[in-house]
C-alpha atoms as a PDB file:
ATOM      1  CA  UNK A   1    -107.925 -36.101 -61.241  1.00  0.00           C
ATOM      2  CA  UNK A   2    -106.165 -33.928 -63.779  1.00  0.00           C
ATOM      3  CA  UNK A   3    -107.374 -30.827 -61.954  1.00  0.00           C
ATOM      4  CA  UNK A   4    -106.232 -32.278 -58.599  1.00  0.00           C
ATOM      5  CA  UNK A   5    -102.726 -32.931 -59.954  1.00  0.00           C
ATOM      6  CA  UNK A   6    -102.514 -29.437 -61.369  1.00  0.00           C
ATOM      7  CA  UNK A   7    -103.624 -27.910 -58.050  1.00  0.00           C
ATOM      8  CA  UNK A   8    -101.147 -30.005 -56.042  1.00  0.00           C
ATOM      9  CA  UNK A   9     -98.333 -28.924 -58.375  1.00  0.00           C
ATOM     10  CA  UNK A  10     -99.222 -25.246 -58.151  1.00  0.00           C
ATOM     11  CA  UNK A  11     -99.693 -25.274 -54.365  1.00  0.00           C
ATOM     12  CA  UNK A  12     -96.488 -27.237 -53.779  1.00  0.00           C
ATOM     13  CA  UNK A  13     -94.314 -25.046 -56.022  1.00  0.00           C
ATOM     14  CA  UNK A  14     -95.633 -21.943 -54.318  1.00  0.00           C
ATOM     15  CA  UNK A  15     -95.077 -23.408 -50.843  1.00  0.00           C
ATOM     16  CA  UNK A  16     -91.519 -24.487 -51.730  1.00  0.00           C
ATOM     17  CA  UNK A  17     -90.647 -20.927 -52.740  1.00  0.00           C
ATOM     18  CA  UNK A  18     -91.965 -19.532 -49.452  1.00  0.00           C
ATOM     19  CA  UNK A  19     -90.042 -22.017 -47.229  1.00  0.00           C
ATOM     20  CA  UNK A  20     -87.832 -20.080 -44.813  1.00  0.00           C
ATOM     21  CA  UNK A  21     -85.377 -22.807 -43.851  1.00  0.00           C
ATOM     22  CA  UNK A  22     -84.406 -26.434 -44.422  1.00  0.00           C
ATOM     23  CA  UNK A  23     -86.733 -27.727 -41.689  1.00  0.00           C
ATOM     24  CA  UNK A  24     -89.760 -26.005 -43.196  1.00  0.00           C
ATOM     25  CA  UNK A  25     -88.840 -27.287 -46.657  1.00  0.00           C
ATOM     26  CA  UNK A  26     -88.554 -30.851 -45.382  1.00  0.00           C
ATOM     27  CA  UNK A  27     -91.987 -30.570 -43.785  1.00  0.00           C
ATOM     28  CA  UNK A  28     -93.421 -29.531 -47.174  1.00  0.00           C
ATOM     29  CA  UNK A  29     -91.683 -32.483 -48.853  1.00  0.00           C
ATOM     30  CA  UNK A  30     -93.440 -34.839 -46.441  1.00  0.00           C
ATOM     31  CA  UNK A  31     -96.750 -33.040 -46.964  1.00  0.00           C
ATOM     32  CA  UNK A  32     -96.720 -33.363 -50.761  1.00  0.00           C
ATOM     33  CA  UNK A  33     -94.392 -36.280 -51.601  1.00  0.00           C
ATOM     34  CA  UNK A  34     -94.375 -38.429 -48.456  1.00  0.00           C
ATOM     35  CA  UNK A  35     -96.023 -41.831 -48.078  1.00  0.00           C
ATOM     36  CA  UNK A  36     -99.118 -40.134 -46.759  1.00  0.00           C
ATOM     37  CA  UNK A  37     -98.655 -37.003 -48.865  1.00  0.00           C
ATOM     38  CA  UNK A  38    -101.212 -35.366 -51.162  1.00  0.00           C
ATOM     39  CA  UNK A  39     -99.632 -36.641 -54.399  1.00  0.00           C
ATOM     40  CA  UNK A  40     -99.484 -40.190 -53.057  1.00  0.00           C
ATOM     41  CA  UNK A  41    -103.156 -39.935 -52.066  1.00  0.00           C
ATOM     42  CA  UNK A  42    -104.082 -39.038 -55.634  1.00  0.00           C
ATOM     43  CA  UNK A  43    -101.981 -41.879 -57.065  1.00  0.00           C
ATOM     44  CA  UNK A  44    -103.865 -44.356 -54.899  1.00  0.00           C
ATOM     45  CA  UNK A  45    -107.019 -43.453 -56.872  1.00  0.00           C
ATOM     46  CA  UNK A  46    -105.486 -44.653 -60.170  1.00  0.00           C
ATOM     47  CA  UNK A  47    -107.169 -48.015 -59.762  1.00  0.00           C
ATOM     48  CA  UNK A  48    -110.572 -46.409 -60.238  1.00  0.00           C
ATOM     49  CA  UNK A  49    -109.719 -45.083 -63.699  1.00  0.00           C
ATOM     50  CA  UNK A  50    -110.587 -46.808 -66.962  1.00  0.00           C
ATOM     51  CA  UNK A  51    -107.834 -48.664 -68.837  1.00  0.00           C
ATOM     52  CA  UNK A  52    -107.714 -45.854 -71.401  1.00  0.00           C
ATOM     53  CA  UNK A  53    -107.298 -43.074 -68.769  1.00  0.00           C
ATOM     54  CA  UNK A  54    -104.808 -44.878 -66.572  1.00  0.00           C
ATOM     55  CA  UNK A  55    -101.656 -44.440 -68.772  1.00  0.00           C
ATOM     56  CA  UNK A  56    -102.432 -40.782 -69.428  1.00  0.00           C
ATOM     57  CA  UNK A  57    -102.997 -39.959 -65.743  1.00  0.00           C
ATOM     58  CA  UNK A  58     -99.967 -42.051 -64.761  1.00  0.00           C
ATOM     59  CA  UNK A  59     -97.694 -40.075 -67.083  1.00  0.00           C
ATOM     60  CA  UNK A  60     -99.156 -36.810 -65.828  1.00  0.00           C
ATOM     61  CA  UNK A  61     -98.634 -37.853 -62.181  1.00  0.00           C
ATOM     62  CA  UNK A  62     -95.013 -38.788 -62.925  1.00  0.00           C
ATOM     63  CA  UNK A  63     -94.457 -35.402 -64.549  1.00  0.00           C
ATOM     64  CA  UNK A  64     -95.899 -33.660 -61.497  1.00  0.00           C
ATOM     65  CA  UNK A  65     -93.670 -35.721 -59.155  1.00  0.00           C
ATOM     66  CA  UNK A  66     -90.589 -34.933 -61.247  1.00  0.00           C
ATOM     67  CA  UNK A  67     -91.453 -31.234 -61.271  1.00  0.00           C
ATOM     68  CA  UNK A  68     -91.943 -31.181 -57.514  1.00  0.00           C
ATOM     69  CA  UNK A  69     -88.711 -33.085 -56.817  1.00  0.00           C
ATOM     70  CA  UNK A  70     -86.761 -30.755 -59.105  1.00  0.00           C
ATOM     71  CA  UNK A  71     -88.238 -27.676 -57.456  1.00  0.00           C
ATOM     72  CA  UNK A  72     -87.535 -29.193 -54.037  1.00  0.00           C
ATOM     73  CA  UNK A  73     -83.843 -29.730 -54.887  1.00  0.00           C
ATOM     74  CA  UNK A  74     -83.522 -26.209 -56.278  1.00  0.00           C
ATOM     75  CA  UNK A  75     -85.089 -24.653 -53.184  1.00  0.00           C
ATOM     76  CA  UNK A  76     -82.913 -26.804 -50.935  1.00  0.00           C
ATOM     77  CA  UNK A  77     -79.747 -25.603 -52.685  1.00  0.00           C
ATOM     78  CA  UNK A  78     -80.918 -21.998 -52.425  1.00  0.00           C
ATOM     79  CA  UNK A  79     -81.613 -22.328 -48.705  1.00  0.00           C
ATOM     80  CA  UNK A  80     -78.227 -23.988 -48.108  1.00  0.00           C
ATOM     81  CA  UNK A  81     -76.475 -21.206 -49.967  1.00  0.00           C
ATOM     82  CA  UNK A  82     -78.353 -18.574 -47.964  1.00  0.00           C
ATOM     83  CA  UNK A  83     -77.510 -20.340 -44.677  1.00  0.00           C
ATOM     84  CA  UNK A  84     -73.835 -20.531 -45.652  1.00  0.00           C
ATOM     85  CA  UNK A  85     -73.800 -16.853 -46.565  1.00  0.00           C
ATOM     86  CA  UNK A  86     -75.368 -15.960 -43.220  1.00  0.00           C
ATOM     87  CA  UNK A  87     -72.849 -18.122 -41.368  1.00  0.00           C
ATOM     88  CA  UNK A  88     -69.918 -16.572 -43.201  1.00  0.00           C
ATOM     89  CA  UNK A  89     -71.165 -13.109 -42.319  1.00  0.00           C
ATOM     90  CA  UNK A  90     -71.715 -13.989 -38.651  1.00  0.00           C
ATOM     91  CA  UNK A  91     -68.297 -15.682 -38.340  1.00  0.00           C
ATOM     92  CA  UNK A  92     -66.373 -13.094 -40.292  1.00  0.00           C
ATOM     93  CA  UNK A  93     -63.136 -11.918 -38.704  1.00  0.00           C
ATOM     94  CA  UNK A  94     -62.184  -8.295 -38.929  1.00  0.00           C
ATOM     95  CA  UNK A  95     -58.406  -8.498 -39.326  1.00  0.00           C
ATOM     96  CA  UNK A  96     -58.115  -4.757 -38.628  1.00  0.00           C
ATOM     97  CA  UNK A  97     -59.328  -5.168 -35.017  1.00  0.00           C
ATOM     98  CA  UNK A  98     -56.433  -5.318 -32.499  1.00  0.00           C
ATOM     99  CA  UNK A  99     -55.878  -8.818 -31.124  1.00  0.00           C
ATOM    100  CA  UNK A 100     -56.624  -9.818 -27.556  1.00  0.00           C
ATOM    101  CA  UNK A 101     -53.538  -9.773 -25.319  1.00  0.00           C
ATOM    102  CA  UNK A 102     -52.296 -13.238 -24.334  1.00  0.00           C
ATOM    103  CA  UNK A 103     -51.905 -13.706 -20.613  1.00  0.00           C
ATOM    104  CA  UNK A 104     -48.567 -15.401 -19.966  1.00  0.00           C
ATOM    105  CA  UNK A 105     -47.948 -17.500 -16.892  1.00  0.00           C
ATOM    106  CA  UNK A 106     -44.902 -17.318 -14.677  1.00  0.00           C
ATOM    107  CA  UNK A 107     -43.068 -19.418 -12.147  1.00  0.00           C
ATOM    108  CA  UNK A 108     -44.822 -20.557  -8.979  1.00  0.00           C
ATOM    109  CA  UNK A 109     -43.495 -18.793  -5.837  1.00  0.00           C
ATOM    110  CA  UNK A 110     -42.302 -22.112  -4.431  1.00  0.00           C
ATOM    111  CA  UNK A 111     -40.230 -22.820  -7.545  1.00  0.00           C
ATOM    112  CA  UNK A 112     -38.864 -19.278  -7.515  1.00  0.00           C
ATOM    113  CA  UNK A 113     -37.538 -20.069  -4.029  1.00  0.00           C
ATOM    114  CA  UNK A 114     -36.209 -23.444  -5.251  1.00  0.00           C
ATOM    115  CA  UNK A 115     -34.358 -21.862  -8.164  1.00  0.00           C
ATOM    116  CA  UNK A 116     -32.804 -19.334  -5.801  1.00  0.00           C
ATOM    117  CA  UNK A 117     -31.671 -22.122  -3.466  1.00  0.00           C
ATOM    118  CA  UNK A 118     -30.187 -24.052  -6.383  1.00  0.00           C
ATOM    119  CA  UNK A 119     -28.321 -20.974  -7.598  1.00  0.00           C
ATOM    120  CA  UNK A 120     -26.879 -20.365  -4.125  1.00  0.00           C
ATOM    121  CA  UNK A 121     -25.616 -23.916  -3.676  1.00  0.00           C
ATOM    122  CA  UNK A 122     -24.379 -24.292  -7.244  1.00  0.00           C
ATOM    123  CA  UNK A 123     -22.383 -21.127  -6.608  1.00  0.00           C
ATOM    124  CA  UNK A 124     -20.853 -22.922  -3.629  1.00  0.00           C
ATOM    125  CA  UNK A 125     -19.803 -25.869  -5.780  1.00  0.00           C
ATOM    126  CA  UNK A 126     -22.714 -28.210  -5.027  1.00  0.00           C
ATOM    127  CA  UNK A 127     -24.237 -30.640  -7.532  1.00  0.00           C
ATOM    128  CA  UNK A 128     -28.031 -31.025  -7.889  1.00  0.00           C
ATOM    129  CA  UNK A 129     -29.376 -34.609  -7.756  1.00  0.00           C
ATOM    130  CA  UNK A 130     -32.834 -36.133  -8.155  1.00  0.00           C
ATOM    131  CA  UNK A 131     -34.159 -39.357  -6.654  1.00  0.00           C
ATOM    132  CA  UNK A 132     -37.246 -41.627  -6.593  1.00  0.00           C
ATOM    133  CA  UNK A 133     -40.398 -40.597  -4.758  1.00  0.00           C
ATOM    134  CA  UNK A 134     -41.444 -44.259  -4.401  1.00  0.00           C
ATOM    135  CA  UNK A 135     -38.676 -45.435  -2.113  1.00  0.00           C
ATOM    136  CA  UNK A 136     -37.501 -48.570  -0.336  1.00  0.00           C
ATOM    137  CA  UNK A 137     -37.716 -48.504   3.451  1.00  0.00           C
ATOM    138  CA  UNK A 138     -34.122 -49.702   3.586  1.00  0.00           C
ATOM    139  CA  UNK A 139     -33.042 -46.352   2.119  1.00  0.00           C
ATOM    140  CA  UNK A 140     -35.659 -44.243   3.871  1.00  0.00           C
ATOM    141  CA  UNK A 141     -34.976 -45.760   7.298  1.00  0.00           C
ATOM    142  CA  UNK A 142     -32.543 -48.660   7.689  1.00  0.00           C
ATOM    143  CA  UNK A 143     -29.470 -47.124   6.053  1.00  0.00           C
ATOM    144  CA  UNK A 144     -30.259 -43.861   7.851  1.00  0.00           C
ATOM    145  CA  UNK A 145     -29.892 -45.564  11.238  1.00  0.00           C
ATOM    146  CA  UNK A 146     -33.645 -45.571  11.957  1.00  0.00           C
ATOM    147  CA  UNK A 147     -34.404 -48.976  13.507  1.00  0.00           C
ATOM    148  CA  UNK A 148     -37.553 -51.060  13.198  1.00  0.00           C
ATOM    149  CA  UNK A 149     -39.068 -49.473  16.317  1.00  0.00           C
ATOM    150  CA  UNK A 150     -38.496 -45.876  15.279  1.00  0.00           C
ATOM    151  CA  UNK A 151     -41.829 -43.951  15.526  1.00  0.00           C
ATOM    152  CA  UNK A 152     -41.449 -42.443  12.040  1.00  0.00           C
ATOM    153  CA  UNK A 153     -41.837 -45.958  10.574  1.00  0.00           C
ATOM    154  CA  UNK A 154     -45.342 -46.340  12.000  1.00  0.00           C
ATOM    155  CA  UNK A 155     -48.265 -46.736   9.581  1.00  0.00           C
ATOM    156  CA  UNK A 156     -49.885 -43.687  11.184  1.00  0.00           C
ATOM    157  CA  UNK A 157     -46.999 -41.518   9.922  1.00  0.00           C
ATOM    158  CA  UNK A 158     -45.949 -43.072   6.597  1.00  0.00           C
ATOM    159  CA  UNK A 159     -47.635 -44.061   3.315  1.00  0.00           C
ATOM    160  CA  UNK A 160     -46.717 -47.695   2.570  1.00  0.00           C
ATOM    161  CA  UNK A 161     -47.529 -49.682  -0.573  1.00  0.00           C
ATOM    162  CA  UNK A 162     -47.172 -53.180   0.905  1.00  0.00           C
ATOM    163  CA  UNK A 163     -48.120 -54.925   4.137  1.00  0.00           C
ATOM    164  CA  UNK A 164     -44.473 -55.663   4.888  1.00  0.00           C
ATOM    165  CA  UNK A 165     -43.688 -51.941   5.122  1.00  0.00           C
ATOM    166  CA  UNK A 166     -40.855 -52.214   2.610  1.00  0.00           C
ATOM    167  CA  UNK A 167     -42.071 -49.979  -0.247  1.00  0.00           C
ATOM    168  CA  UNK A 168     -43.331 -46.497   0.495  1.00  0.00           C
ATOM    169  CA  UNK A 169     -43.747 -42.909  -0.580  1.00  0.00           C
ATOM    170  CA  UNK A 170     -40.589 -41.343   0.785  1.00  0.00           C
ATOM    171  CA  UNK A 171     -41.192 -39.357   3.943  1.00  0.00           C
ATOM    172  CA  UNK A 172     -38.018 -37.293   3.501  1.00  0.00           C
ATOM    173  CA  UNK A 173     -35.367 -36.530   0.910  1.00  0.00           C
ATOM    174  CA  UNK A 174     -32.735 -38.020   3.259  1.00  0.00           C
ATOM    175  CA  UNK A 175     -32.531 -41.327   1.301  1.00  0.00           C
ATOM    176  CA  UNK A 176     -30.631 -39.275  -1.281  1.00  0.00           C
ATOM    177  CA  UNK A 177     -27.829 -38.974   1.290  1.00  0.00           C
ATOM    178  CA  UNK A 178     -27.324 -42.730   1.153  1.00  0.00           C
ATOM    179  CA  UNK A 179     -27.757 -42.957  -2.614  1.00  0.00           C
ATOM    180  CA  UNK A 180     -25.205 -40.187  -3.099  1.00  0.00           C
ATOM    181  CA  UNK A 181     -22.693 -41.799  -0.724  1.00  0.00           C
ATOM    182  CA  UNK A 182     -23.084 -45.160  -2.479  1.00  0.00           C
ATOM    183  CA  UNK A 183     -22.673 -43.804  -6.015  1.00  0.00           C
ATOM    184  CA  UNK A 184     -20.667 -40.554  -5.917  1.00  0.00           C
ATOM    185  CA  UNK A 185     -16.898 -40.264  -5.576  1.00  0.00           C
ATOM    186  CA  UNK A 186     -15.534 -38.511  -2.496  1.00  0.00           C
ATOM    187  CA  UNK A 187     -15.590 -35.668  -1.584  1.00  0.00           C
ATOM    188  CA  UNK A 188     -19.360 -35.135  -1.921  1.00  0.00           C
ATOM    189  CA  UNK A 189     -21.220 -31.828  -2.118  1.00  0.00           C
ATOM    190  CA  UNK A 190     -24.805 -32.310  -3.307  1.00  0.00           C
ATOM    191  CA  UNK A 191     -28.334 -31.035  -2.830  1.00  0.00           C
ATOM    192  CA  UNK A 192     -31.421 -33.101  -3.743  1.00  0.00           C
ATOM    193  CA  UNK A 193     -34.788 -31.317  -4.033  1.00  0.00           C
ATOM    194  CA  UNK A 194     -38.054 -33.239  -4.352  1.00  0.00           C
ATOM    195  CA  UNK A 195     -41.536 -34.092  -3.087  1.00  0.00           C
ATOM    196  CA  UNK A 196     -42.036 -36.019   0.146  1.00  0.00           C
ATOM    197  CA  UNK A 197     -45.136 -37.452   1.836  1.00  0.00           C
ATOM    198  CA  UNK A 198     -46.247 -37.714   5.457  1.00  0.00           C
ATOM    199  CA  UNK A 199     -49.592 -38.174   7.178  1.00  0.00           C
ATOM    200  CA  UNK A 200     -49.681 -34.612   8.477  1.00  0.00           C
ATOM    201  CA  UNK A 201     -52.872 -32.680   9.079  1.00  0.00           C
ATOM    202  CA  UNK A 202     -53.236 -29.617   6.865  1.00  0.00           C
ATOM    203  CA  UNK A 203     -52.678 -26.301   8.642  1.00  0.00           C
ATOM    204  CA  UNK A 204     -50.839 -23.023   8.057  1.00  0.00           C
ATOM    205  CA  UNK A 205     -47.408 -24.718   8.084  1.00  0.00           C
ATOM    206  CA  UNK A 206     -48.119 -28.432   7.372  1.00  0.00           C
ATOM    207  CA  UNK A 207     -49.303 -30.542   4.429  1.00  0.00           C
ATOM    208  CA  UNK A 208     -49.353 -34.322   3.713  1.00  0.00           C
ATOM    209  CA  UNK A 209     -47.417 -33.621   0.509  1.00  0.00           C
ATOM    210  CA  UNK A 210     -44.645 -31.069   0.551  1.00  0.00           C
ATOM    211  CA  UNK A 211     -41.157 -30.435  -0.789  1.00  0.00           C
ATOM    212  CA  UNK A 212     -37.733 -30.658   0.753  1.00  0.00           C
ATOM    213  CA  UNK A 213     -34.216 -29.845  -0.346  1.00  0.00           C
ATOM    214  CA  UNK A 214     -31.647 -32.278   1.038  1.00  0.00           C
ATOM    215  CA  UNK A 215     -28.043 -31.176   1.422  1.00  0.00           C
ATOM    216  CA  UNK A 216     -24.975 -33.337   2.026  1.00  0.00           C
ATOM    217  CA  UNK A 217     -21.260 -32.671   2.385  1.00  0.00           C
ATOM    218  CA  UNK A 218     -18.726 -35.464   2.979  1.00  0.00           C
ATOM    219  CA  UNK A 219     -15.032 -34.596   3.166  1.00  0.00           C
ATOM    220  CA  UNK A 220     -12.027 -34.685   5.436  1.00  0.00           C
ATOM    221  CA  UNK A 221     -12.096 -32.254   8.338  1.00  0.00           C
ATOM    222  CA  UNK A 222     -15.741 -31.158   7.984  1.00  0.00           C
ATOM    223  CA  UNK A 223     -17.169 -29.724  11.220  1.00  0.00           C
ATOM    224  CA  UNK A 224     -20.383 -28.378  12.724  1.00  0.00           C
ATOM    225  CA  UNK A 225     -19.004 -24.873  12.265  1.00  0.00           C
ATOM    226  CA  UNK A 226     -18.960 -25.446   8.497  1.00  0.00           C
ATOM    227  CA  UNK A 227     -22.611 -26.479   8.647  1.00  0.00           C
ATOM    228  CA  UNK A 228     -23.723 -23.419  10.634  1.00  0.00           C
ATOM    229  CA  UNK A 229     -21.697 -21.042   8.510  1.00  0.00           C
ATOM    230  CA  UNK A 230     -23.071 -22.470   5.273  1.00  0.00           C
ATOM    231  CA  UNK A 231     -26.686 -22.393   6.435  1.00  0.00           C
ATOM    232  CA  UNK A 232     -26.444 -18.839   7.784  1.00  0.00           C
ATOM    233  CA  UNK A 233     -24.923 -17.736   4.475  1.00  0.00           C
ATOM    234  CA  UNK A 234     -27.740 -19.396   2.526  1.00  0.00           C
ATOM    235  CA  UNK A 235     -30.433 -17.816   4.732  1.00  0.00           C
ATOM    236  CA  UNK A 236     -28.924 -14.339   4.384  1.00  0.00           C
ATOM    237  CA  UNK A 237     -28.764 -14.701   0.607  1.00  0.00           C
ATOM    238  CA  UNK A 238     -32.405 -15.819   0.548  1.00  0.00           C
ATOM    239  CA  UNK A 239     -33.896 -13.394   3.049  1.00  0.00           C
ATOM    240  CA  UNK A 240     -31.401 -10.563   3.274  1.00  0.00           C
ATOM    241  CA  UNK A 241     -28.453  -9.576   5.418  1.00  0.00           C
ATOM    242  CA  UNK A 242     -29.090  -9.646   9.150  1.00  0.00           C
ATOM    243  CA  UNK A 243     -31.777 -12.337   9.010  1.00  0.00           C
ATOM    244  CA  UNK A 244     -32.075 -13.790  12.505  1.00  0.00           C
ATOM    245  CA  UNK A 245     -31.675 -17.540  12.987  1.00  0.00           C
ATOM    246  CA  UNK A 246     -31.367 -19.851  15.936  1.00  0.00           C
ATOM    247  CA  UNK A 247     -30.047 -23.390  16.241  1.00  0.00           C
ATOM    248  CA  UNK A 248     -31.686 -25.745  18.735  1.00  0.00           C
ATOM    249  CA  UNK A 249     -30.446 -29.171  19.856  1.00  0.00           C
ATOM    250  CA  UNK A 250     -32.515 -31.981  18.411  1.00  0.00           C
ATOM    251  CA  UNK A 251     -32.310 -35.673  17.587  1.00  0.00           C
ATOM    252  CA  UNK A 252     -32.244 -37.354  14.192  1.00  0.00           C
ATOM    253  CA  UNK A 253     -31.112 -40.970  13.908  1.00  0.00           C
ATOM    254  CA  UNK A 254     -28.866 -40.214  10.929  1.00  0.00           C
ATOM    255  CA  UNK A 255     -27.010 -37.211  12.404  1.00  0.00           C
ATOM    256  CA  UNK A 256     -25.000 -36.784  15.624  1.00  0.00           C
ATOM    257  CA  UNK A 257     -25.010 -34.128  16.929  1.00  0.00           C
ATOM    258  CA  UNK A 258     -28.301 -32.912  15.482  1.00  0.00           C
ATOM    259  CA  UNK A 259     -30.000 -29.547  15.442  1.00  0.00           C
ATOM    260  CA  UNK A 260     -32.943 -27.649  14.050  1.00  0.00           C
ATOM    261  CA  UNK A 261     -32.598 -24.182  12.589  1.00  0.00           C
ATOM    262  CA  UNK A 262     -35.380 -21.603  12.951  1.00  0.00           C
ATOM    263  CA  UNK A 263     -35.799 -18.218  11.321  1.00  0.00           C
ATOM    264  CA  UNK A 264     -37.550 -15.333  12.993  1.00  0.00           C
ATOM    265  CA  UNK A 265     -41.225 -15.167  11.996  1.00  0.00           C
ATOM    266  CA  UNK A 266     -41.697 -12.833   9.048  1.00  0.00           C
ATOM    267  CA  UNK A 267     -45.270 -12.090  10.055  1.00  0.00           C
ATOM    268  CA  UNK A 268     -44.756 -10.813  13.596  1.00  0.00           C
ATOM    269  CA  UNK A 269     -40.995 -10.168  13.770  1.00  0.00           C
ATOM    270  CA  UNK A 270     -40.574 -12.500  16.745  1.00  0.00           C
ATOM    271  CA  UNK A 271     -43.475 -11.231  18.853  1.00  0.00           C
ATOM    272  CA  UNK A 272     -45.736 -14.249  18.292  1.00  0.00           C
ATOM    273  CA  UNK A 273     -48.705 -14.775  15.963  1.00  0.00           C
ATOM    274  CA  UNK A 274     -50.881 -17.580  14.508  1.00  0.00           C
ATOM    275  CA  UNK A 275     -48.382 -18.188  11.674  1.00  0.00           C
ATOM    276  CA  UNK A 276     -45.591 -19.078  14.115  1.00  0.00           C
ATOM    277  CA  UNK A 277     -48.045 -20.460  16.712  1.00  0.00           C
ATOM    278  CA  UNK A 278     -47.066 -17.739  19.135  1.00  0.00           C
ATOM    279  CA  UNK A 279     -43.384 -18.704  19.285  1.00  0.00           C
ATOM    280  CA  UNK A 280     -41.924 -15.880  17.201  1.00  0.00           C
ATOM    281  CA  UNK A 281     -39.844 -18.394  15.234  1.00  0.00           C
ATOM    282  CA  UNK A 282     -40.585 -20.769  12.340  1.00  0.00           C
ATOM    283  CA  UNK A 283     -38.731 -24.045  11.976  1.00  0.00           C
ATOM    284  CA  UNK A 284     -36.950 -24.044   8.634  1.00  0.00           C
ATOM    285  CA  UNK A 285     -34.778 -27.159   8.569  1.00  0.00           C
ATOM    286  CA  UNK A 286     -33.219 -30.017  10.443  1.00  0.00           C
ATOM    287  CA  UNK A 287     -29.490 -30.655  10.223  1.00  0.00           C
ATOM    288  CA  UNK A 288     -26.475 -32.186  11.889  1.00  0.00           C
ATOM    289  CA  UNK A 289     -23.233 -34.077  11.444  1.00  0.00           C
ATOM    290  CA  UNK A 290     -23.675 -37.334   9.507  1.00  0.00           C
ATOM    291  CA  UNK A 291     -23.774 -40.221  11.993  1.00  0.00           C
ATOM    292  CA  UNK A 292     -20.667 -42.448  11.810  1.00  0.00           C
ATOM    293  CA  UNK A 293     -22.899 -45.517  11.439  1.00  0.00           C
ATOM    294  CA  UNK A 294     -24.526 -43.998   8.347  1.00  0.00           C
ATOM    295  CA  UNK A 295     -21.088 -43.384   6.860  1.00  0.00           C
ATOM    296  CA  UNK A 296     -19.965 -46.942   7.622  1.00  0.00           C
ATOM    297  CA  UNK A 297     -23.154 -48.485   6.159  1.00  0.00           C
ATOM    298  CA  UNK A 298     -22.449 -46.557   2.948  1.00  0.00           C
ATOM    299  CA  UNK A 299     -18.896 -47.900   2.839  1.00  0.00           C
ATOM    300  CA  UNK A 300     -17.155 -44.668   3.964  1.00  0.00           C
ATOM    301  CA  UNK A 301     -14.451 -44.756   6.632  1.00  0.00           C
ATOM    302  CA  UNK A 302     -15.778 -42.601   9.482  1.00  0.00           C
ATOM    303  CA  UNK A 303     -12.266 -42.324  10.952  1.00  0.00           C
ATOM    304  CA  UNK A 304     -11.113 -40.484   7.841  1.00  0.00           C
ATOM    305  CA  UNK A 305     -14.192 -38.664   6.602  1.00  0.00           C
ATOM    306  CA  UNK A 306     -16.851 -36.601   8.340  1.00  0.00           C
ATOM    307  CA  UNK A 307     -19.850 -34.812   6.915  1.00  0.00           C
ATOM    308  CA  UNK A 308     -22.931 -32.786   7.554  1.00  0.00           C
ATOM    309  CA  UNK A 309     -26.435 -32.881   6.157  1.00  0.00           C
ATOM    310  CA  UNK A 310     -29.634 -30.869   6.259  1.00  0.00           C
ATOM    311  CA  UNK A 311     -33.210 -31.076   5.018  1.00  0.00           C
ATOM    312  CA  UNK A 312     -34.969 -27.781   4.349  1.00  0.00           C
ATOM    313  CA  UNK A 313     -38.724 -27.397   3.860  1.00  0.00           C
ATOM    314  CA  UNK A 314     -39.234 -25.674   0.530  1.00  0.00           C
ATOM    315  CA  UNK A 315     -42.766 -24.443   1.262  1.00  0.00           C
ATOM    316  CA  UNK A 316     -41.622 -22.871   4.526  1.00  0.00           C
ATOM    317  CA  UNK A 317     -38.725 -21.284   2.690  1.00  0.00           C
ATOM    318  CA  UNK A 318     -41.190 -19.731   0.244  1.00  0.00           C
ATOM    319  CA  UNK A 319     -43.429 -18.567   3.116  1.00  0.00           C
ATOM    320  CA  UNK A 320     -40.545 -16.634   4.646  1.00  0.00           C
ATOM    321  CA  UNK A 321     -39.177 -15.531   1.273  1.00  0.00           C
ATOM    322  CA  UNK A 322     -42.458 -13.935   0.126  1.00  0.00           C
ATOM    323  CA  UNK A 323     -43.978 -13.225   3.561  1.00  0.00           C
ATOM    324  CA  UNK A 324     -46.899 -15.607   2.990  1.00  0.00           C
ATOM    325  CA  UNK A 325     -48.914 -16.277   6.145  1.00  0.00           C
ATOM    326  CA  UNK A 326     -50.473 -19.656   5.272  1.00  0.00           C
ATOM    327  CA  UNK A 327     -48.934 -22.611   3.420  1.00  0.00           C
ATOM    328  CA  UNK A 328     -52.332 -23.628   2.073  1.00  0.00           C
ATOM    329  CA  UNK A 329     -52.311 -20.618  -0.243  1.00  0.00           C
ATOM    330  CA  UNK A 330     -49.409 -22.204  -2.135  1.00  0.00           C
ATOM    331  CA  UNK A 331     -51.449 -25.311  -3.018  1.00  0.00           C
ATOM    332  CA  UNK A 332     -54.911 -23.816  -3.601  1.00  0.00           C
ATOM    333  CA  UNK A 333     -54.027 -22.586  -7.126  1.00  0.00           C
ATOM    334  CA  UNK A 334     -55.911 -19.323  -6.738  1.00  0.00           C
ATOM    335  CA  UNK A 335     -54.690 -17.268  -9.699  1.00  0.00           C
ATOM    336  CA  UNK A 336     -55.414 -14.032  -7.825  1.00  0.00           C
ATOM    337  CA  UNK A 337     -52.863 -15.078  -5.219  1.00  0.00           C
ATOM    338  CA  UNK A 338     -50.265 -16.535  -7.609  1.00  0.00           C
ATOM    339  CA  UNK A 339     -50.284 -13.491  -9.903  1.00  0.00           C
ATOM    340  CA  UNK A 340     -48.704 -11.436  -7.121  1.00  0.00           C
ATOM    341  CA  UNK A 341     -45.314 -13.110  -7.569  1.00  0.00           C
END
């Protein structure tokens, strides 16, 4: 048994020194010191020794175990130190190497157009307001003179939150007209940009979520000529002098008379193409003189005050501003497209 213990000690110490990594060292620990290891197997034979030999062999076995455990710890520390040294070398940072350039973002083309619109109207003395996207139907429809049977109130056109059709995602920024008239002192000159939601099918010029900029002026002596002059001035500042527009009669329940303003298609120059659906013009906004009933419902004397309002599609403004052919490009978040602006 003495020779067996000596051989186990010599073999184990030699194997520990040759271990290449922590996993190999742990496998050697199990081989020599585990429950089924070689040293344990020898210790199980102690019962066969005479009473005189047993204490001597027991002490020798303990010495061998202690020597192996000490050598195991020393080899483990050496392997850990070597692994740390290797890691430090592999993760070393050469501070003399030039750093990687940081790619900075920039404003989205739609918000570039919005900032330009804000600057134009602020320069005209307008105030910028914000309002809720989750709106009450009384503001989105009722106080804008849109009755219960108006087609825009149908569930096929509007996102409602309740079965009574009273709470909804606003389908237009026009509720800000009413909120401004109810809370602002006269005269009023405001714009209100924000997101709106309609059940539109996605195509080159439509999206179920888009942005509008609402405009409202209430004062004494305001006329349709003021509206047309203001909008033409805004369009020329956005798109350049000589930009062609046209005003078409239309109907909105909250304006009378009402109109829509188109700008000549930037893609085809008025000839007709898929972007403008062959018409040569792209609808930019709806507008008109504020309906007397809307003024009266907001507590404003329609015999004394008149006003005009408009709602401009921000995405369509950006399309014309940057000569983009398809609105979907604005929402697809393709960095290759957005980096152009």
